[in-house]
Amino acid sequence: MTNFYKKNIAIFVMFTLFIPNLVWGAEVDLNNYNYIISDAEALNYQSMDKKDIQEFLDSKGGYIANKSYMGNNPSPEQLALDPNKEYPKTRTTAEIIYNAAQEAKINPQFLITMLQKEMSLITDKAPTENQQKYAMGYDCPDRSGCAFKTSGFANQVRATAQQFAWDLGKDEETGKYRIYGYSWSPGKTSCADDYNSFLPCTSDGIEVTPENRITAAMYRYTPHVVGNMNFKRIWNKYGFGGEIDDEENDLPVAEPGFFPEGALLKSKGSQAGTIYLITGGEKRAFADMTSLLSRFDPDKVLLVDSAELDKYDNGYIIAYANYSVLESPDGDRYLIDGLTKRLIVSDEIFRQLGFNPDEIEKVSQSELDAYVTGDSLDASASPFAELWQDMSNEAIYLVKDGQKHRIVDQFIVDVNFPAMKIKDVTTKTLDDLKTSTPIKLVDGTLIKVETDARVYVISNGQRRLIPDGNTFGKLGYSWAGIYAVPSKIMNLHQLGEPILSRE
C-alpha cells in the first residue's frame, strides 16, 4: 500500500470532526457563531479547586478521572519558588488541570470542556493511547501531523492553557491585546471551515465575526463552526454556562440504534461474547467464528456498550459459512452467497461449481429463511469472485457471475481483497464479460481526504459523515483506522446521511 493511504493517527487525533452548518445535540444559542463564552468566564481561574475538579471528573465516570500522567506541570507553590525550574512528576488528572489553570490564569472549567470537545476524555471509559497523547489537539494543524514535542496528556493540557493565556493577554511593550494581531480577532470577519481564514470565503466557508477575545482565540485554535458550537454545547451541559432546554432542540437527533448498516458489533468487556451484524435495522448474531470469518474482516468488529446493542431487535442467526451448500426439506440445493441463498437449478450446475455431495448440509426451512433469495445459478458463469487484470493496461476488475466490475484504485484491492490473488487475462477475455458497476469500499471503512478534517464511514456503498469526536468514540472506531484517500475514491461513494447521536 502506498504512503498516500497510510493510516495517520497524528492527523486525526486532534479533531472533534467537523462539517459546516451541522450542529448536533444543540442546546443554548448555537445559531450565534460569533459568540462562544465571555472573556470573564474564560479567565475565571478560581472557579474550581483541585477537590472540585476531582469530584467533577468522578461524576462523569471517564477513564482519566483516576489516571495519573508524567509531565512538567508545576503547582502554584512550585512556581512561586522558582518559575524557571522544571518540575517533572507524575500527577493526577485533576492536579494537571488545576496547575495548568492556575499558571495560565485560565478557567479550569474551560480546560475540562476542551478535553471533552477534542477527545471526549471526560466521559470516555476506554480512550485510546492516542486520545490521551493528543488530549487537547494542541499543535495538530488540519493539514499536517501533530508535533511530537507537545504530545502527552500533561503537555497538551499545559500548552493549551498557555496558548489561550497568551492570546487573551496584553503585549508588554504595546499594551494591546495580542489577539488583535491575528487574522482571527474581535470585530473582524473571517472564514471558518475554509482553506484559510481570509475573505472572501469559498463555498465551503462560513463568515464569522468574533464578538470578544476568547471567541476569536477559540476560532484561531479550532477554525471550524461545529467544533466551537460543540464547545458551547458541552460548556452549558456541564453547568458552566446558561441553562439547558432540550425541548427547544429542533435539530435532527439520531434514533435509538444509530450504528451504520454493515457494522460488526460486540459488547465491551466480553471476551467470548456474540458478534453481531447490523443489517436492515436489526442485529444478526453469528453462530460461530466460521460464519463470520468467511464473510468479514474480524478486525472491523467494534466494541460497544451493551445498551447500544439492546436497542436493536434480534434478526435471523447467521449460522453457516459463506459458500456453504444447503439442502431444503424438499431437496432443493442452495449456495449461500453472503446473506442470500441461490438455487442451484441442476445437478450439472452443481458439478460445474466444483462441489461434491458430501459437502451438502441438510437444514430446516426456517434455517433457509434466514437468507434472502438471490438469483438462481443456471449458467456456467462462476458465482465465486475473482480479481482479473488486463495485461495490456493493468486495469483491475472484480469478476463474478459473468460480469466485470472496475476497481478504480489499488487501494480498494488492498482494503477489500487483501488475500485475493490477481489473475492476468487478455483484453478480449474481459471484453466477453458484461460491464457492471465499479467496486466500492467495503462497509466499515473509515476515510477522509488528505486536506480535509472530515471523516466518513462507508455504509451500503455510501459515505456517511461522523460529525464529532463523541460520536466517533461511541461508535467504537479507532483513530488509527482512518485512511486518507484521493478525491476519486471519496467521490466514488455517494454522500449519505450523517450519523447523529446524543452524548
Protein backbone atom coordinates (compact mmCIF):
# COMPACT_ATOMS: atom_id res chain seq x y z
CA MET A 1 0.00 0.00 0.00
CA THR A 2 1.43 3.42 -0.92
CA ASN A 3 2.31 6.01 1.69
CA PHE A 4 -0.56 8.18 0.44
CA TYR A 5 -3.02 5.80 2.04
CA LYS A 6 -1.12 5.28 5.25
CA LYS A 7 -3.26 5.41 8.37
CA ASN A 8 -2.01 8.53 10.11
CA ILE A 9 -3.27 8.96 13.63
CA ALA A 10 -1.33 12.18 14.10
CA ILE A 11 -3.55 14.00 11.62
CA PHE A 12 -6.79 12.85 13.13
CA VAL A 13 -6.47 12.74 16.89
CA MET A 14 -6.88 16.47 17.31
CA PHE A 15 -10.27 16.66 15.74
CA THR A 16 -13.73 16.81 17.04
CA LEU A 17 -14.75 16.08 13.43
CA PHE A 18 -16.41 18.84 11.52
CA ILE A 19 -18.94 19.64 8.80
CA PRO A 20 -20.20 23.16 8.06
CA ASN A 21 -23.72 24.07 9.23
CA LEU A 22 -24.39 20.77 11.01
CA VAL A 23 -24.79 21.32 14.74
CA TRP A 24 -25.51 18.16 16.68
CA GLY A 25 -27.10 17.94 20.10
CA ALA A 26 -27.79 21.68 20.15
CA GLU A 27 -28.82 23.45 23.32
CA VAL A 28 -28.07 27.10 24.04
CA ASP A 29 -27.89 29.72 21.29
CA LEU A 30 -25.93 27.57 18.86
CA ASN A 31 -27.01 29.70 15.91
CA ASN A 32 -24.75 32.54 17.05
CA TYR A 33 -21.36 31.53 15.70
CA ASN A 34 -19.86 34.88 16.74
CA TYR A 35 -20.01 34.29 20.49
CA ILE A 36 -18.97 31.20 22.47
CA ILE A 37 -18.42 32.29 26.09
CA SER A 38 -17.46 35.57 27.75
CA ASP A 39 -13.91 36.71 28.34
CA ALA A 40 -14.63 36.86 32.07
CA GLU A 41 -15.75 33.23 32.10
CA ALA A 42 -12.63 32.10 30.26
CA LEU A 43 -10.38 33.95 32.71
CA ASN A 44 -12.12 32.83 35.93
CA TYR A 45 -9.23 30.63 37.04
CA GLN A 46 -10.56 30.34 40.60
CA SER A 47 -13.83 28.66 39.58
CA MET A 48 -12.71 25.24 40.89
CA ASP A 49 -10.08 23.95 43.27
CA LYS A 50 -8.42 20.53 42.96
CA LYS A 51 -11.11 18.86 45.05
CA ASP A 52 -13.86 20.37 42.89
CA ILE A 53 -12.13 19.19 39.72
CA GLN A 54 -11.68 15.66 41.06
CA GLU A 55 -15.31 15.43 42.15
CA PHE A 56 -16.47 16.64 38.75
CA LEU A 57 -14.29 14.11 36.92
CA ASP A 58 -15.54 11.33 39.19
CA SER A 59 -19.15 12.30 38.48
CA LYS A 60 -18.61 11.84 34.74
CA GLY A 61 -17.01 8.41 35.12
CA GLY A 62 -14.35 8.76 32.44
CA TYR A 63 -11.14 6.75 32.39
CA ILE A 64 -8.94 9.77 33.09
CA ALA A 65 -10.75 10.62 36.34
CA ASN A 66 -8.42 8.39 38.36
CA LYS A 67 -5.49 8.36 35.96
CA SER A 68 -2.07 9.93 36.52
CA TYR A 69 0.34 11.25 33.89
CA MET A 70 4.01 12.26 33.83
CA GLY A 71 4.81 15.81 32.85
CA ASN A 72 6.22 19.20 33.78
CA ASN A 73 3.12 20.72 35.37
CA PRO A 74 4.31 22.86 38.28
CA SER A 75 1.97 23.72 41.11
CA PRO A 76 1.40 27.33 42.20
CA GLU A 77 3.72 26.69 45.16
CA GLN A 78 6.50 25.38 42.91
CA LEU A 79 6.14 28.32 40.53
CA ALA A 80 6.43 30.68 43.48
CA LEU A 81 9.74 29.07 44.47
CA ASP A 82 11.31 29.11 41.00
CA PRO A 83 9.19 29.77 37.88
CA ASN A 84 12.07 28.84 35.57
CA LYS A 85 12.72 25.41 37.04
CA GLU A 86 11.18 22.27 35.58
CA TYR A 87 9.15 20.03 37.87
CA PRO A 88 8.63 16.72 36.06
CA LYS A 89 6.42 14.46 38.11
CA THR A 90 3.55 12.01 37.81
CA ARG A 91 0.37 13.86 38.74
CA THR A 92 -3.34 13.09 38.74
CA THR A 93 -5.57 14.45 36.01
CA ALA A 94 -7.17 16.84 38.49
CA GLU A 95 -3.75 18.17 39.56
CA ILE A 96 -2.67 18.67 35.96
CA ILE A 97 -5.83 20.62 35.11
CA TYR A 98 -5.66 22.69 38.29
CA ASN A 99 -1.96 23.52 37.96
CA ALA A 100 -2.30 24.48 34.30
CA ALA A 101 -5.29 26.70 35.09
CA GLN A 102 -3.54 28.49 37.95
CA GLU A 103 -0.33 29.02 36.00
CA ALA A 104 -2.07 30.39 32.92
CA LYS A 105 -4.89 32.15 34.82
CA ILE A 106 -7.40 30.23 32.68
CA ASN A 107 -10.67 28.78 33.95
CA PRO A 108 -10.23 25.05 34.76
CA GLN A 109 -13.79 24.58 33.52
CA PHE A 110 -12.55 25.81 30.15
CA LEU A 111 -9.83 23.15 30.11
CA ILE A 112 -12.30 20.44 31.14
CA THR A 113 -14.64 21.42 28.32
CA MET A 114 -11.77 21.38 25.84
CA LEU A 115 -10.83 17.84 26.90
CA GLN A 116 -14.37 16.69 26.19
CA LYS A 117 -14.73 18.66 22.97
CA GLU A 118 -11.47 17.46 21.46
CA MET A 119 -11.29 13.81 22.57
CA SER A 120 -14.38 13.03 24.70
CA LEU A 121 -11.96 12.26 27.53
CA ILE A 122 -14.20 13.42 30.37
CA THR A 123 -16.75 10.68 29.66
CA ASP A 124 -14.87 8.10 27.60
CA LYS A 125 -14.41 4.97 29.72
CA ALA A 126 -11.88 3.36 27.39
CA PRO A 127 -9.93 6.01 25.46
CA THR A 128 -7.08 5.01 23.19
CA GLU A 129 -3.48 5.88 23.94
CA ASN A 130 -3.55 8.46 21.15
CA GLN A 131 -6.68 10.14 22.52
CA GLN A 132 -4.74 10.72 25.74
CA LYS A 133 -1.48 11.52 23.96
CA TYR A 134 -3.11 14.33 21.95
CA ALA A 135 -5.78 15.15 24.52
CA MET A 136 -6.27 18.78 23.53
CA GLY A 137 -5.42 18.54 19.84
CA TYR A 138 -2.71 21.08 20.56
CA ASP A 139 -0.16 21.68 17.78
CA CYS A 140 -2.10 19.41 15.41
CA PRO A 141 -2.90 21.58 12.38
CA ASP A 142 -5.52 20.37 9.90
CA ARG A 143 -3.12 19.71 7.06
CA SER A 144 -0.15 18.17 8.84
CA GLY A 145 0.65 15.79 11.64
CA CYS A 146 0.75 16.53 15.35
CA ALA A 147 4.03 17.67 16.86
CA PHE A 148 5.72 15.01 18.96
CA LYS A 149 7.32 17.57 21.29
CA THR A 150 3.91 18.59 22.65
CA SER A 151 2.44 15.09 22.85
CA GLY A 152 1.43 13.58 26.17
CA PHE A 153 -1.62 14.36 28.29
CA ALA A 154 0.18 16.64 30.72
CA ASN A 155 1.98 18.56 27.98
CA GLN A 156 -1.22 19.01 25.98
CA VAL A 157 -3.18 20.47 28.90
CA ARG A 158 -0.45 22.87 29.95
CA ALA A 159 0.37 24.00 26.41
CA THR A 160 -3.28 24.67 25.59
CA ALA A 161 -3.78 26.72 28.74
CA GLN A 162 -0.68 28.75 27.97
CA GLN A 163 -1.72 29.41 24.37
CA PHE A 164 -5.05 30.85 25.44
CA ALA A 165 -3.37 32.87 28.19
CA TRP A 166 -1.05 34.32 25.55
CA ASP A 167 -3.83 35.08 23.08
CA LEU A 168 -6.03 36.72 25.72
CA GLY A 169 -3.21 38.68 27.32
CA LYS A 170 -1.62 42.03 26.51
CA ASP A 171 1.69 42.67 24.80
CA GLU A 172 4.07 44.10 27.39
CA GLU A 173 5.53 46.69 25.01
CA THR A 174 2.42 47.97 23.24
CA GLY A 175 -0.15 47.32 25.96
CA LYS A 176 -2.52 45.95 23.32
CA TYR A 177 -4.25 42.59 23.45
CA ARG A 178 -2.28 40.11 21.35
CA ILE A 179 -5.36 38.55 19.76
CA TYR A 180 -5.82 41.70 17.67
CA GLY A 181 -2.63 40.85 15.81
CA TYR A 182 -4.08 37.69 14.28
CA SER A 183 -6.42 37.06 11.36
CA TRP A 184 -8.95 35.86 13.92
CA SER A 185 -9.59 38.90 16.11
CA PRO A 186 -12.60 40.57 17.74
CA GLY A 187 -14.82 42.53 15.37
CA LYS A 188 -13.07 41.23 12.27
CA THR A 189 -14.93 38.92 9.86
CA SER A 190 -13.03 35.79 8.85
CA CYS A 191 -13.83 32.46 7.19
CA ALA A 192 -14.40 29.33 9.26
CA ASP A 193 -14.42 25.84 7.72
CA ASP A 194 -12.41 27.13 4.79
CA TYR A 195 -8.95 26.59 3.32
CA ASN A 196 -7.80 29.71 5.13
CA SER A 197 -9.45 32.43 7.18
CA PHE A 198 -9.20 35.22 4.63
CA LEU A 199 -12.18 36.77 2.82
CA PRO A 200 -13.88 36.09 0.51
CA CYS A 201 -14.97 32.67 1.75
CA THR A 202 -15.26 29.77 -0.67
CA SER A 203 -18.48 27.79 -0.99
CA ASP A 204 -17.32 25.69 1.97
CA GLY A 205 -16.65 28.66 4.23
CA ILE A 206 -18.80 30.40 6.83
CA GLU A 207 -18.31 34.06 7.75
CA VAL A 208 -17.75 34.57 11.48
CA THR A 209 -17.18 37.86 13.30
CA PRO A 210 -15.95 37.13 16.86
CA GLU A 211 -17.59 39.36 19.44
CA ASN A 212 -14.86 39.03 22.06
CA ARG A 213 -11.30 37.90 22.64
CA ILE A 214 -11.98 34.35 23.76
CA THR A 215 -14.23 33.63 20.78
CA ALA A 216 -11.53 34.88 18.41
CA ALA A 217 -8.89 32.83 20.25
CA MET A 218 -11.04 29.71 20.03
CA TYR A 219 -11.51 30.07 16.26
CA ARG A 220 -7.76 30.58 15.97
CA TYR A 221 -7.34 27.28 17.82
CA THR A 222 -10.17 25.46 16.01
CA PRO A 223 -11.27 27.27 12.81
CA HIS A 224 -14.49 25.27 12.48
CA VAL A 225 -18.03 26.24 13.43
CA VAL A 226 -19.20 22.84 14.64
CA GLY A 227 -16.17 22.33 16.87
CA ASN A 228 -16.76 25.65 18.61
CA MET A 229 -20.51 25.22 18.85
CA ASN A 230 -19.82 21.80 20.33
CA PHE A 231 -17.68 23.52 22.98
CA LYS A 232 -20.57 25.85 23.77
CA ARG A 233 -22.98 22.92 24.00
CA ILE A 234 -20.72 20.97 26.39
CA TRP A 235 -19.97 24.09 28.45
CA ASN A 236 -23.66 24.65 29.06
CA LYS A 237 -24.44 20.97 29.55
CA TYR A 238 -21.84 20.77 32.31
CA GLY A 239 -23.43 23.70 34.07
CA PHE A 240 -20.56 26.04 33.30
CA GLY A 241 -22.82 28.37 31.32
CA GLY A 242 -26.53 29.01 30.64
CA GLU A 243 -29.49 26.75 31.23
CA ILE A 244 -30.17 23.71 29.01
CA ASP A 245 -33.55 23.42 27.35
CA ASP A 246 -33.77 20.21 25.36
CA GLU A 247 -37.39 20.98 24.48
CA GLU A 248 -36.16 23.73 22.18
CA ASN A 249 -33.84 21.43 20.28
CA ASP A 250 -35.36 21.19 16.82
CA LEU A 251 -32.27 19.76 15.13
CA PRO A 252 -32.10 16.16 13.89
CA VAL A 253 -31.33 13.60 16.58
CA ALA A 254 -30.34 10.01 15.99
CA GLU A 255 -32.94 7.35 16.68
CA PRO A 256 -32.04 4.50 19.04
CA GLY A 257 -29.64 2.16 17.33
CA PHE A 258 -27.60 4.58 15.25
CA PHE A 259 -24.84 2.29 14.01
CA PRO A 260 -24.41 2.27 10.24
CA GLU A 261 -25.60 -0.58 8.06
CA GLY A 262 -22.96 -3.28 7.87
CA ALA A 263 -21.38 -2.56 11.27
CA LEU A 264 -19.96 -5.52 13.18
CA LEU A 265 -20.58 -5.13 16.91
CA LYS A 266 -19.62 -6.86 20.13
CA SER A 267 -20.37 -5.89 23.71
CA LYS A 268 -17.49 -4.30 25.65
CA GLY A 269 -15.86 -6.42 28.32
CA SER A 270 -16.99 -9.67 26.73
CA GLN A 271 -14.03 -11.80 25.65
CA ALA A 272 -16.12 -14.61 24.14
CA GLY A 273 -19.27 -12.61 23.51
CA THR A 274 -21.51 -12.86 20.49
CA ILE A 275 -20.63 -10.79 17.43
CA TYR A 276 -23.49 -9.17 15.55
CA LEU A 277 -24.01 -7.74 12.07
CA ILE A 278 -26.22 -4.66 11.85
CA THR A 279 -28.43 -5.02 8.78
CA GLY A 280 -31.96 -3.94 7.95
CA GLY A 281 -32.31 -2.22 11.32
CA GLU A 282 -31.71 -5.49 13.19
CA LYS A 283 -28.76 -7.19 14.82
CA ARG A 284 -27.96 -10.64 13.45
CA ALA A 285 -25.75 -12.90 15.54
CA PHE A 286 -23.01 -15.05 14.03
CA ALA A 287 -23.41 -18.62 15.21
CA ASP A 288 -19.64 -19.19 15.19
CA MET A 289 -16.39 -17.67 14.00
CA THR A 290 -16.50 -19.59 10.72
CA SER A 291 -19.73 -17.87 9.72
CA LEU A 292 -18.06 -14.53 10.49
CA LEU A 293 -14.59 -15.11 9.03
CA SER A 294 -15.92 -16.44 5.73
CA ARG A 295 -17.66 -13.10 5.13
CA PHE A 296 -16.00 -10.29 7.05
CA ASP A 297 -12.72 -8.99 8.43
CA PRO A 298 -12.72 -9.63 12.20
CA ASP A 299 -10.56 -6.54 12.68
CA LYS A 300 -13.65 -4.46 11.84
CA VAL A 301 -15.56 -5.69 14.90
CA LEU A 302 -16.41 -2.71 17.12
CA LEU A 303 -16.62 -2.90 20.91
CA VAL A 304 -19.71 -1.02 22.08
CA ASP A 305 -21.82 -0.62 25.20
CA SER A 306 -24.30 -3.45 25.67
CA ALA A 307 -27.04 -0.84 26.00
CA GLU A 308 -26.47 0.12 22.36
CA LEU A 309 -26.87 -3.49 21.25
CA ASP A 310 -30.08 -3.77 23.25
CA LYS A 311 -31.64 -1.06 21.09
CA TYR A 312 -31.80 -3.48 18.13
CA ASP A 313 -34.29 -6.27 17.61
CA ASN A 314 -32.79 -9.70 17.02
CA GLY A 315 -32.77 -10.89 13.43
CA TYR A 316 -32.05 -14.32 12.00
CA ILE A 317 -28.86 -16.01 13.17
CA ILE A 318 -26.11 -16.28 10.55
CA ALA A 319 -25.37 -19.96 11.03
CA TYR A 320 -23.42 -21.21 8.01
CA ALA A 321 -20.17 -20.26 6.32
CA ASN A 322 -20.25 -18.33 3.11
CA TYR A 323 -20.42 -20.59 0.02
CA SER A 324 -21.99 -23.42 2.01
CA VAL A 325 -24.40 -25.66 0.11
CA LEU A 326 -27.66 -26.17 1.99
CA GLU A 327 -30.42 -28.61 1.10
CA SER A 328 -34.03 -27.83 1.95
CA PRO A 329 -36.56 -30.42 3.23
CA ASP A 330 -37.89 -30.50 -0.37
CA GLY A 331 -34.48 -31.50 -1.73
CA ASP A 332 -33.64 -28.16 -3.33
CA ARG A 333 -30.00 -27.16 -3.02
CA TYR A 334 -28.84 -23.61 -2.43
CA LEU A 335 -25.48 -21.88 -2.48
CA ILE A 336 -25.11 -19.38 0.37
CA ASP A 337 -23.68 -16.19 -1.12
CA GLY A 338 -23.21 -13.54 1.54
CA LEU A 339 -26.63 -13.18 3.12
CA THR A 340 -28.51 -14.63 0.15
CA LYS A 341 -29.39 -18.17 -0.91
CA ARG A 342 -29.11 -19.02 -4.60
CA LEU A 343 -30.91 -22.01 -6.02
CA ILE A 344 -28.66 -24.48 -7.85
CA VAL A 345 -31.03 -25.44 -10.66
CA SER A 346 -29.49 -28.75 -11.74
CA ASP A 347 -27.01 -31.49 -10.93
CA GLU A 348 -24.88 -30.31 -13.85
CA ILE A 349 -24.58 -26.79 -12.43
CA PHE A 350 -23.77 -28.34 -9.04
CA ARG A 351 -20.88 -30.25 -10.62
CA GLN A 352 -19.69 -27.22 -12.57
CA LEU A 353 -19.43 -25.30 -9.32
CA GLY A 354 -16.96 -27.92 -8.11
CA PHE A 355 -18.97 -29.33 -5.23
CA ASN A 356 -19.49 -32.94 -4.26
CA PRO A 357 -22.47 -34.47 -2.39
CA ASP A 358 -20.51 -34.81 0.85
CA GLU A 359 -20.44 -31.03 1.19
CA ILE A 360 -24.23 -30.68 1.29
CA GLU A 361 -25.76 -29.76 4.65
CA LYS A 362 -29.41 -30.62 5.19
CA VAL A 363 -31.27 -27.87 7.01
CA SER A 364 -34.76 -26.90 8.07
CA GLN A 365 -36.89 -24.45 6.15
CA SER A 366 -36.58 -21.93 8.99
CA GLU A 367 -32.79 -22.04 8.66
CA LEU A 368 -33.09 -21.33 4.94
CA ASP A 369 -35.49 -18.48 5.65
CA ALA A 370 -32.60 -16.66 7.34
CA TYR A 371 -31.22 -15.93 3.86
CA VAL A 372 -32.82 -13.71 1.23
CA THR A 373 -33.48 -15.42 -2.10
CA GLY A 374 -30.99 -14.33 -4.73
CA ASP A 375 -30.52 -15.08 -8.43
CA SER A 376 -30.63 -18.75 -9.37
CA LEU A 377 -27.47 -20.44 -10.62
CA ASP A 378 -28.49 -21.70 -14.04
CA ALA A 379 -25.47 -20.93 -16.24
CA SER A 380 -21.79 -21.70 -16.38
CA ALA A 381 -20.68 -18.25 -15.11
CA SER A 382 -18.97 -18.63 -11.75
CA PRO A 383 -20.59 -17.10 -8.64
CA PHE A 384 -17.19 -17.02 -6.97
CA ALA A 385 -15.47 -13.63 -7.10
CA GLU A 386 -12.05 -13.34 -8.75
CA LEU A 387 -9.68 -10.47 -9.49
CA TRP A 388 -8.65 -10.17 -13.15
CA GLN A 389 -6.10 -7.75 -14.54
CA ASP A 390 -5.96 -6.64 -18.16
CA MET A 391 -2.43 -7.43 -19.32
CA SER A 392 -2.49 -4.58 -21.84
CA ASN A 393 -3.28 -1.69 -19.49
CA GLU A 394 -3.12 -3.22 -15.96
CA ALA A 395 -6.74 -2.29 -15.22
CA ILE A 396 -8.14 -4.50 -12.44
CA TYR A 397 -11.66 -5.91 -12.29
CA LEU A 398 -13.69 -8.00 -9.90
CA VAL A 399 -15.29 -10.75 -11.96
CA LYS A 400 -18.38 -12.61 -10.77
CA ASP A 401 -21.49 -14.10 -12.42
CA GLY A 402 -20.19 -13.27 -15.89
CA GLN A 403 -19.85 -9.57 -15.09
CA LYS A 404 -16.79 -7.37 -14.62
CA HIS A 405 -16.67 -4.58 -12.07
CA ARG A 406 -13.92 -1.99 -12.47
CA ILE A 407 -11.69 -1.33 -9.47
CA VAL A 408 -10.52 2.24 -9.89
CA ASP A 409 -7.57 2.13 -7.49
CA GLN A 410 -5.18 -0.39 -5.97
CA PHE A 411 -6.19 0.91 -2.55
CA ILE A 412 -9.64 -0.69 -2.93
CA VAL A 413 -7.98 -4.01 -3.74
CA ASP A 414 -5.79 -3.71 -0.64
CA VAL A 415 -8.71 -2.94 1.66
CA ASN A 416 -11.45 -5.14 0.21
CA PHE A 417 -9.49 -8.14 -1.06
CA PRO A 418 -6.14 -8.27 0.76
CA ALA A 419 -5.73 -12.05 0.37
CA MET A 420 -7.16 -12.48 -3.13
CA LYS A 421 -4.73 -13.27 -5.94
CA ILE A 422 -4.90 -11.37 -9.22
CA LYS A 423 -5.17 -13.28 -12.48
CA ASP A 424 -3.69 -11.80 -15.67
CA VAL A 425 -6.04 -12.01 -18.68
CA THR A 426 -6.27 -10.60 -22.19
CA THR A 427 -8.40 -7.64 -23.17
CA LYS A 428 -10.53 -9.96 -25.32
CA THR A 429 -11.31 -12.17 -22.33
CA LEU A 430 -12.55 -9.15 -20.45
CA ASP A 431 -14.48 -7.85 -23.45
CA ASP A 432 -16.58 -11.01 -23.41
CA LEU A 433 -17.94 -10.05 -19.99
CA LYS A 434 -20.80 -7.68 -19.28
CA THR A 435 -19.69 -4.39 -17.69
CA SER A 436 -21.28 -3.64 -14.32
CA THR A 437 -20.90 -1.04 -11.58
CA PRO A 438 -17.47 -0.18 -10.11
CA ILE A 439 -16.48 -1.75 -6.82
CA LYS A 440 -16.78 0.48 -3.77
CA LEU A 441 -15.04 0.20 -0.43
CA VAL A 442 -16.31 -2.42 1.97
CA ASP A 443 -18.70 -1.33 4.72
CA GLY A 444 -17.00 -0.05 7.85
CA THR A 445 -14.03 1.56 6.09
CA LEU A 446 -13.12 4.97 7.55
CA ILE A 447 -11.91 7.53 5.01
CA LYS A 448 -11.04 11.18 4.67
CA VAL A 449 -9.43 13.40 2.05
CA GLU A 450 -5.84 14.33 2.90
CA THR A 451 -6.58 18.07 3.14
CA ASP A 452 -9.95 17.82 4.91
CA ALA A 453 -10.62 17.02 8.58
CA ARG A 454 -13.99 15.39 7.94
CA VAL A 455 -14.13 11.62 8.41
CA TYR A 456 -16.67 9.29 6.81
CA VAL A 457 -17.61 5.66 7.27
CA ILE A 458 -18.66 3.55 4.30
CA SER A 459 -22.13 2.06 4.73
CA ASN A 460 -24.15 0.43 1.95
CA GLY A 461 -21.74 1.92 -0.56
CA GLN A 462 -22.33 5.46 0.70
CA ARG A 463 -20.02 7.66 2.72
CA ARG A 464 -21.64 8.87 5.92
CA LEU A 465 -20.13 11.70 7.92
CA ILE A 466 -19.17 11.10 11.54
CA PRO A 467 -19.79 14.68 12.70
CA ASP A 468 -17.94 14.79 16.02
CA GLY A 469 -15.44 13.03 18.23
CA ASN A 470 -18.04 11.89 20.76
CA THR A 471 -19.98 10.03 18.07
CA PHE A 472 -16.73 8.58 16.72
CA GLY A 473 -15.92 7.19 20.16
CA LYS A 474 -19.43 5.95 20.81
CA LEU A 475 -19.33 4.04 17.53
CA GLY A 476 -16.27 2.20 18.79
CA TYR A 477 -13.94 3.25 15.98
CA SER A 478 -10.17 3.57 16.28
CA TRP A 479 -8.36 6.77 15.31
CA ALA A 480 -5.66 4.59 13.79
CA GLY A 481 -8.20 3.05 11.42
CA ILE A 482 -8.75 6.14 9.28
CA TYR A 483 -7.41 6.17 5.72
CA ALA A 484 -6.53 9.32 3.78
CA VAL A 485 -7.69 8.78 0.19
CA PRO A 486 -7.68 10.76 -3.06
CA SER A 487 -10.82 12.54 -4.21
CA LYS A 488 -11.55 9.95 -6.89
CA ILE A 489 -12.10 7.31 -4.20
CA MET A 490 -14.09 9.68 -1.99
CA ASN A 491 -16.32 10.72 -4.90
CA LEU A 492 -16.92 7.09 -5.88
CA HIS A 493 -19.19 6.90 -2.83
CA GLN A 494 -22.38 8.94 -2.78
CA LEU A 495 -22.79 11.18 0.25
CA GLY A 496 -25.32 9.68 2.65
CA GLU A 497 -26.94 10.98 5.82
CA PRO A 498 -24.58 11.90 8.67
CA ILE A 499 -24.53 9.61 11.69
CA LEU A 500 -26.11 11.51 14.55
CA SER A 501 -26.05 10.68 18.23
CA ARG A 502 -26.59 12.37 21.52
CA GLU A 503 -23.79 12.26 24.06
